[in-house]
Amino acid sequence: MITGGKGFAYDPDQDKEEKRKVRKDYRKEIENAEQDRANIGQISVDELQERVRRGDNLFANVKNPSEAVLDSHNLFLTSDIAAQKARAMRHDANAFDTDEFINKLVTLMRGRSGEGEEDRDDRDNQGPLDWEIAGWRALKHTRRVIGMDFMLGPLSVEAKKRIITKRARIERNKEDETKPVELTEADIERAENETTRNVQDVYEVLRAQEGLTNIFRLVINPHSFAQSVENVFYLSFSIRDATVALEQDEETGEFCVYACDRPTEDDYAEDLKKRQVVFELDMETWQEAIDLLGITEPMIPTRTAARTRLGDKWYG
């Protein structure tokens, strides 16, 4: 790299026209350096040396810090270009030329020491390659036992053309379509009234009993598991409203229920608390309760199946 023969000499009275020319030349050099850095492969070593010479010549006219900053930036770009160029040259020196390797390998397997232009043009018209020659050459550089290998996959692969089939649009028969059931206010009110009536019926059955009643004897319907679950549901409303109490018999250990009066404010003031219990009833528990308690008839009468309305018709 060539350096300038003059050092930086500060001159605040440098001619303004000379300063403008120095700045203009530096900006041009910086612009060219930016372009060369984006295309490292197109710049030669001679061009890089010429860029250094121009920078040294410009630096001879630098007399102020502002122009020195431009010189520093130009020198940085030039150094970066030189570093990238050196890396590229080192990479190209060690690059593996696949085409050259294949040409030499083909020449070797055809038993020739060299290949002229005419032989290279007629390569496709000659016989098969002798892979054994290449194998014995490679054997000198390995200690692996000779084995049999198979080629995986075809030598040439043809891309399959995708066949796009048009699917016919499915047209549904509108006559088979069913509309969702629309619930009216009357239907909702009827269902609420039915629930309220069933809750009251369960309460009246329990109130007619004397003393404690086993909860399973009350809610189990031996003829219908579904209605047994419904009885538990209706009974829960009375327990929530505190018109029915649930407790465990101290003598038998059974869970029993009984009708009671609602607690007053004084009862709650005396530390009376409500408690929630999750009551689970499955088919196995239902059948076991029937067998253990010998239930043959339900305490709560069997209700008739509710009628379901679909569209404008009722089904029972």
Protein backbone atom coordinates (compact mmCIF):
# COMPACT_ATOMS: atom_id res chain seq x y z
CA MET A 1 0.00 0.00 0.00
CA ILE A 2 1.39 3.44 -0.93
CA THR A 3 1.22 6.25 1.60
CA GLY A 4 1.49 9.98 1.07
CA GLY A 5 4.71 11.80 1.62
CA LYS A 6 3.12 14.68 3.55
CA GLY A 7 1.43 14.56 6.93
CA PHE A 8 -1.67 16.40 8.07
CA ALA A 9 -0.97 20.11 8.57
CA TYR A 10 -3.76 22.22 10.06
CA ASP A 11 -4.42 25.42 8.12
CA PRO A 12 -7.57 27.36 9.13
CA ASP A 13 -6.94 29.88 6.35
CA GLN A 14 -6.98 27.34 3.53
CA ASP A 15 -8.51 28.63 0.32
CA LYS A 16 -12.26 27.94 0.27
CA GLU A 17 -12.26 26.95 -3.37
CA GLU A 18 -9.52 24.41 -2.68
CA LYS A 19 -11.51 23.00 0.26
CA ARG A 20 -14.62 22.60 -1.92
CA LYS A 21 -12.60 20.74 -4.56
CA VAL A 22 -11.09 18.39 -1.93
CA ARG A 23 -14.53 17.61 -0.48
CA LYS A 24 -15.99 17.02 -3.93
CA ASP A 25 -13.18 14.62 -4.87
CA TYR A 26 -13.51 12.73 -1.57
CA ARG A 27 -17.28 12.33 -1.99
CA LYS A 28 -16.73 10.96 -5.49
CA GLU A 29 -14.15 8.47 -4.17
CA ILE A 30 -16.50 7.40 -1.36
CA GLU A 31 -19.36 6.91 -3.83
CA ASN A 32 -17.18 4.76 -6.08
CA ALA A 33 -15.95 2.78 -3.07
CA GLU A 34 -19.54 2.01 -2.03
CA GLN A 35 -20.26 0.65 -5.51
CA ASP A 36 -17.06 -1.43 -5.58
CA ARG A 37 -17.82 -2.92 -2.17
CA ALA A 38 -21.14 -4.18 -3.52
CA ASN A 39 -19.35 -5.85 -6.47
CA ILE A 40 -16.14 -7.30 -5.05
CA GLY A 41 -15.74 -9.77 -7.90
CA GLN A 42 -15.50 -7.03 -10.53
CA ILE A 43 -12.63 -5.05 -8.97
CA SER A 44 -9.02 -6.06 -9.57
CA VAL A 45 -5.95 -5.71 -7.38
CA ASP A 46 -4.52 -3.05 -9.70
CA GLU A 47 -7.70 -0.99 -9.40
CA LEU A 48 -7.51 -1.30 -5.63
CA GLN A 49 -3.92 -0.02 -5.63
CA GLU A 50 -4.90 2.87 -7.88
CA ARG A 51 -7.64 3.78 -5.39
CA VAL A 52 -5.06 3.95 -2.61
CA ARG A 53 -2.85 6.25 -4.71
CA ARG A 54 -5.73 8.61 -5.38
CA GLY A 55 -6.51 8.71 -1.67
CA ASP A 56 -2.91 9.59 -0.83
CA ASN A 57 -2.92 12.39 -3.39
CA LEU A 58 -6.13 13.82 -1.97
CA PHE A 59 -4.81 13.66 1.58
CA ALA A 60 -1.93 15.93 0.59
CA ASN A 61 -4.47 18.77 0.29
CA VAL A 62 -6.26 18.06 3.59
CA LYS A 63 -5.73 20.96 6.01
CA ASN A 64 -8.90 20.87 8.15
CA PRO A 65 -10.70 18.30 10.37
CA SER A 66 -13.85 18.14 8.19
CA GLU A 67 -11.83 16.96 5.18
CA ALA A 68 -9.85 14.60 7.44
CA VAL A 69 -13.11 12.90 8.43
CA LEU A 70 -13.89 12.27 4.76
CA ASP A 71 -10.39 10.85 4.27
CA SER A 72 -10.88 8.53 7.25
CA HIS A 73 -14.18 7.25 5.82
CA ASN A 74 -12.62 6.70 2.39
CA LEU A 75 -9.69 4.83 3.94
CA PHE A 76 -12.08 2.63 5.93
CA LEU A 77 -14.03 1.68 2.78
CA THR A 78 -10.81 0.94 0.89
CA SER A 79 -9.55 -1.29 3.72
CA ASP A 80 -12.87 -3.15 3.85
CA ILE A 81 -12.79 -3.74 0.08
CA ALA A 82 -9.22 -5.05 0.32
CA ALA A 83 -10.17 -7.45 3.15
CA GLN A 84 -13.18 -8.82 1.25
CA LYS A 85 -11.11 -9.18 -1.91
CA ALA A 86 -8.45 -11.16 0.01
CA ARG A 87 -11.08 -13.51 1.44
CA ALA A 88 -12.60 -14.02 -2.00
CA MET A 89 -9.22 -14.82 -3.55
CA ARG A 90 -8.43 -17.32 -0.79
CA HIS A 91 -11.82 -18.97 -1.25
CA ASP A 92 -11.42 -19.22 -5.02
CA ALA A 93 -7.95 -20.75 -4.63
CA ASN A 94 -9.35 -23.66 -2.61
CA ALA A 95 -12.56 -24.08 -4.61
CA PHE A 96 -13.41 -27.51 -5.96
CA ASP A 97 -14.18 -27.50 -9.69
CA THR A 98 -16.82 -30.18 -10.17
CA ASP A 99 -16.77 -30.07 -13.97
CA GLU A 100 -13.01 -30.47 -14.11
CA PHE A 101 -13.15 -33.40 -11.69
CA ILE A 102 -15.81 -35.19 -13.77
CA ASN A 103 -13.85 -34.68 -16.98
CA LYS A 104 -10.70 -36.15 -15.45
CA LEU A 105 -12.66 -39.04 -13.91
CA VAL A 106 -14.23 -39.91 -17.28
CA THR A 107 -10.81 -39.78 -18.91
CA LEU A 108 -9.41 -42.14 -16.27
CA MET A 109 -12.24 -44.67 -16.59
CA ARG A 110 -11.80 -44.78 -20.36
CA GLY A 111 -8.14 -45.70 -19.94
CA ARG A 112 -6.71 -42.46 -21.36
CA SER A 113 -4.08 -40.13 -20.02
CA GLY A 114 -5.53 -37.10 -21.78
CA GLU A 115 -8.50 -36.06 -23.86
CA GLY A 116 -8.58 -33.78 -26.85
CA GLU A 117 -11.39 -31.60 -28.10
CA GLU A 118 -12.53 -34.19 -30.66
CA ASP A 119 -12.62 -36.94 -28.03
CA ARG A 120 -14.60 -34.69 -25.72
CA ASP A 121 -17.16 -34.02 -28.44
CA ASP A 122 -17.61 -37.74 -29.18
CA ARG A 123 -17.90 -38.77 -25.52
CA ASP A 124 -21.60 -39.65 -25.71
CA ASN A 125 -21.01 -42.08 -28.60
CA GLN A 126 -18.48 -44.23 -26.74
CA GLY A 127 -18.97 -47.31 -24.57
CA PRO A 128 -19.69 -47.56 -20.83
CA LEU A 129 -17.22 -46.30 -18.24
CA ASP A 130 -14.94 -48.74 -16.42
CA TRP A 131 -15.75 -48.05 -12.78
CA GLU A 132 -13.32 -50.72 -11.64
CA ILE A 133 -10.40 -48.48 -12.61
CA ALA A 134 -11.68 -45.70 -10.36
CA GLY A 135 -12.35 -48.23 -7.61
CA TRP A 136 -8.79 -49.55 -7.56
CA ARG A 137 -7.47 -45.98 -7.52
CA ALA A 138 -9.66 -45.11 -4.54
CA LEU A 139 -8.70 -48.34 -2.76
CA LYS A 140 -5.20 -46.96 -2.18
CA HIS A 141 -6.59 -44.30 0.14
CA THR A 142 -8.86 -46.43 2.35
CA ARG A 143 -8.62 -49.47 4.62
CA ARG A 144 -12.28 -50.36 4.41
CA VAL A 145 -13.19 -53.90 3.40
CA ILE A 146 -14.60 -54.07 -0.10
CA GLY A 147 -18.33 -54.62 0.01
CA MET A 148 -21.34 -54.54 -2.27
CA ASP A 149 -23.43 -51.41 -2.42
CA PHE A 150 -26.62 -50.65 -4.27
CA MET A 151 -27.69 -47.44 -5.89
CA LEU A 152 -30.71 -45.93 -4.23
CA GLY A 153 -33.34 -44.53 -6.52
CA PRO A 154 -33.53 -44.16 -10.29
CA LEU A 155 -30.84 -42.51 -12.38
CA SER A 156 -33.33 -40.05 -13.78
CA VAL A 157 -36.47 -38.74 -12.19
CA GLU A 158 -39.33 -37.31 -14.17
CA ALA A 159 -41.59 -34.88 -12.42
CA LYS A 160 -45.14 -36.14 -12.40
CA LYS A 161 -47.65 -33.76 -13.79
CA ARG A 162 -50.32 -32.94 -11.30
CA ILE A 163 -53.76 -33.85 -12.52
CA ILE A 164 -56.42 -31.50 -11.25
CA THR A 165 -59.88 -33.02 -11.25
CA LYS A 166 -62.96 -30.91 -11.01
CA ARG A 167 -65.35 -32.00 -8.33
CA ALA A 168 -69.02 -31.66 -8.93
CA ARG A 169 -70.77 -29.37 -6.52
CA ILE A 170 -72.95 -31.23 -4.07
CA GLU A 171 -76.51 -30.03 -4.24
CA ARG A 172 -78.53 -30.84 -1.19
CA ASN A 173 -82.19 -31.62 -1.33
CA LYS A 174 -83.93 -28.77 0.40
CA GLU A 175 -86.88 -31.04 1.22
CA ASP A 176 -84.63 -33.12 3.51
CA GLU A 177 -83.39 -30.10 5.43
CA THR A 178 -84.78 -29.59 8.92
CA LYS A 179 -84.95 -26.29 10.68
CA PRO A 180 -83.73 -25.98 14.27
CA VAL A 181 -86.40 -25.98 16.91
CA GLU A 182 -87.41 -22.44 17.72
CA LEU A 183 -88.30 -21.94 21.38
CA THR A 184 -90.90 -19.35 22.14
CA GLU A 185 -91.54 -17.58 25.42
CA ALA A 186 -94.48 -19.89 25.97
CA ASP A 187 -92.25 -22.97 25.67
CA ILE A 188 -89.74 -21.55 28.16
CA GLU A 189 -92.48 -20.57 30.59
CA ARG A 190 -94.04 -24.03 30.29
CA ALA A 191 -90.67 -25.69 31.09
CA GLU A 192 -90.14 -23.41 34.10
CA ASN A 193 -93.61 -24.14 35.39
CA GLU A 194 -93.02 -27.88 35.01
CA THR A 195 -89.75 -27.68 36.98
CA THR A 196 -91.41 -25.66 39.74
CA ARG A 197 -94.26 -28.16 39.94
CA ASN A 198 -91.90 -31.14 40.17
CA VAL A 199 -89.84 -29.45 42.89
CA GLN A 200 -93.01 -28.88 44.88
CA ASP A 201 -94.15 -32.49 44.37
CA VAL A 202 -90.85 -33.85 45.72
CA TYR A 203 -91.10 -31.52 48.71
CA GLU A 204 -94.69 -32.60 49.46
CA VAL A 205 -93.68 -36.28 49.38
CA LEU A 206 -90.89 -35.63 51.89
CA ARG A 207 -93.05 -33.46 54.14
CA ALA A 208 -95.56 -36.28 54.43
CA GLN A 209 -92.87 -38.50 55.98
CA GLU A 210 -92.25 -38.60 59.72
CA GLY A 211 -88.74 -38.19 61.04
CA LEU A 212 -85.63 -38.72 58.94
CA THR A 213 -85.80 -40.28 55.48
CA ASN A 214 -82.89 -42.01 53.78
CA ILE A 215 -82.01 -39.84 50.79
CA PHE A 216 -81.62 -42.88 48.53
CA ARG A 217 -85.05 -44.24 49.50
CA LEU A 218 -86.50 -40.86 48.59
CA VAL A 219 -84.89 -40.22 45.21
CA ILE A 220 -84.30 -43.74 43.83
CA ASN A 221 -86.84 -44.89 41.27
CA PRO A 222 -86.18 -48.62 40.67
CA HIS A 223 -87.99 -48.45 37.34
CA SER A 224 -86.07 -45.49 35.86
CA PHE A 225 -82.50 -44.34 36.36
CA ALA A 226 -83.23 -41.09 34.49
CA GLN A 227 -86.06 -40.15 36.85
CA SER A 228 -83.83 -40.96 39.84
CA VAL A 229 -81.36 -38.36 38.57
CA GLU A 230 -84.21 -35.91 38.03
CA ASN A 231 -85.40 -36.47 41.62
CA VAL A 232 -81.94 -35.52 42.91
CA PHE A 233 -82.10 -32.41 40.74
CA TYR A 234 -85.52 -31.35 42.04
CA LEU A 235 -84.56 -32.11 45.66
CA SER A 236 -81.51 -29.85 45.36
CA PHE A 237 -83.78 -26.82 44.86
CA SER A 238 -85.52 -27.45 48.18
CA ILE A 239 -82.18 -27.89 49.95
CA ARG A 240 -80.94 -24.66 48.39
CA ASP A 241 -84.04 -22.80 49.58
CA ALA A 242 -83.51 -24.30 53.09
CA THR A 243 -86.93 -25.97 53.12
CA VAL A 244 -85.21 -29.37 53.26
CA ALA A 245 -82.22 -30.26 55.46
CA LEU A 246 -79.60 -32.95 54.84
CA GLU A 247 -77.71 -34.55 57.71
CA GLN A 248 -76.01 -37.81 58.69
CA ASP A 249 -77.77 -40.06 61.18
CA GLU A 250 -75.51 -40.53 64.20
CA GLU A 251 -76.80 -44.04 64.90
CA THR A 252 -76.87 -45.60 61.42
CA GLY A 253 -74.43 -43.29 59.61
CA GLU A 254 -76.95 -42.90 56.76
CA PHE A 255 -77.48 -39.60 54.96
CA CYS A 256 -81.03 -38.51 55.59
CA VAL A 257 -83.26 -35.60 54.63
CA TYR A 258 -86.30 -34.03 56.26
CA ALA A 259 -88.61 -31.08 55.67
CA CYS A 260 -87.93 -28.04 57.82
CA ASP A 261 -88.77 -24.38 58.20
CA ARG A 262 -86.57 -21.80 56.62
CA PRO A 263 -83.93 -20.31 58.94
CA THR A 264 -84.50 -16.82 60.26
CA GLU A 265 -82.06 -13.97 60.56
CA ASP A 266 -81.54 -14.89 64.21
CA ASP A 267 -80.49 -18.42 63.18
CA TYR A 268 -77.83 -17.03 60.86
CA ALA A 269 -76.72 -14.64 63.59
CA GLU A 270 -76.13 -17.66 65.84
CA ASP A 271 -73.48 -18.93 63.38
CA LEU A 272 -75.76 -21.05 61.19
CA LYS A 273 -73.97 -21.66 57.89
CA LYS A 274 -74.99 -23.08 54.54
CA ARG A 275 -72.90 -25.88 53.09
CA GLN A 276 -72.73 -27.22 49.55
CA VAL A 277 -72.48 -30.93 48.77
CA VAL A 278 -71.84 -32.57 45.39
CA PHE A 279 -74.12 -35.59 45.07
CA GLU A 280 -73.02 -38.08 42.42
CA LEU A 281 -75.39 -40.75 41.13
CA ASP A 282 -74.31 -43.18 38.44
CA MET A 283 -75.81 -46.43 37.16
CA GLU A 284 -73.70 -48.58 39.47
CA THR A 285 -74.66 -46.59 42.59
CA TRP A 286 -78.31 -46.58 41.52
CA GLN A 287 -78.41 -50.38 41.12
CA GLU A 288 -76.47 -50.94 44.36
CA ALA A 289 -78.92 -48.76 46.32
CA ILE A 290 -81.86 -50.74 44.94
CA ASP A 291 -80.29 -54.04 46.00
CA LEU A 292 -79.09 -52.95 49.47
CA LEU A 293 -82.25 -51.08 50.47
CA GLY A 294 -84.63 -53.50 48.76
CA ILE A 295 -86.45 -50.74 46.91
CA THR A 296 -89.28 -52.13 44.82
CA GLU A 297 -91.50 -49.05 44.45
CA PRO A 298 -90.46 -45.38 44.32
CA MET A 299 -91.48 -42.95 47.07
CA ILE A 300 -91.78 -40.22 44.45
CA PRO A 301 -94.37 -41.33 41.87
CA THR A 302 -93.12 -42.03 38.37
CA ARG A 303 -93.76 -39.06 36.13
CA THR A 304 -95.09 -39.43 32.62
CA ALA A 305 -92.53 -38.84 29.85
CA ALA A 306 -92.38 -35.22 28.76
CA ARG A 307 -93.61 -34.45 25.27
CA THR A 308 -91.07 -32.91 22.88
CA ARG A 309 -92.07 -30.34 20.32
CA LEU A 310 -90.40 -30.54 16.90
CA GLY A 311 -91.52 -27.84 14.54
CA ASP A 312 -95.27 -27.47 14.81
CA LYS A 313 -95.89 -30.98 16.20
CA TRP A 314 -95.58 -32.58 19.63
CA TYR A 315 -94.05 -36.02 20.17
CA GLY A 316 -94.34 -38.08 23.34
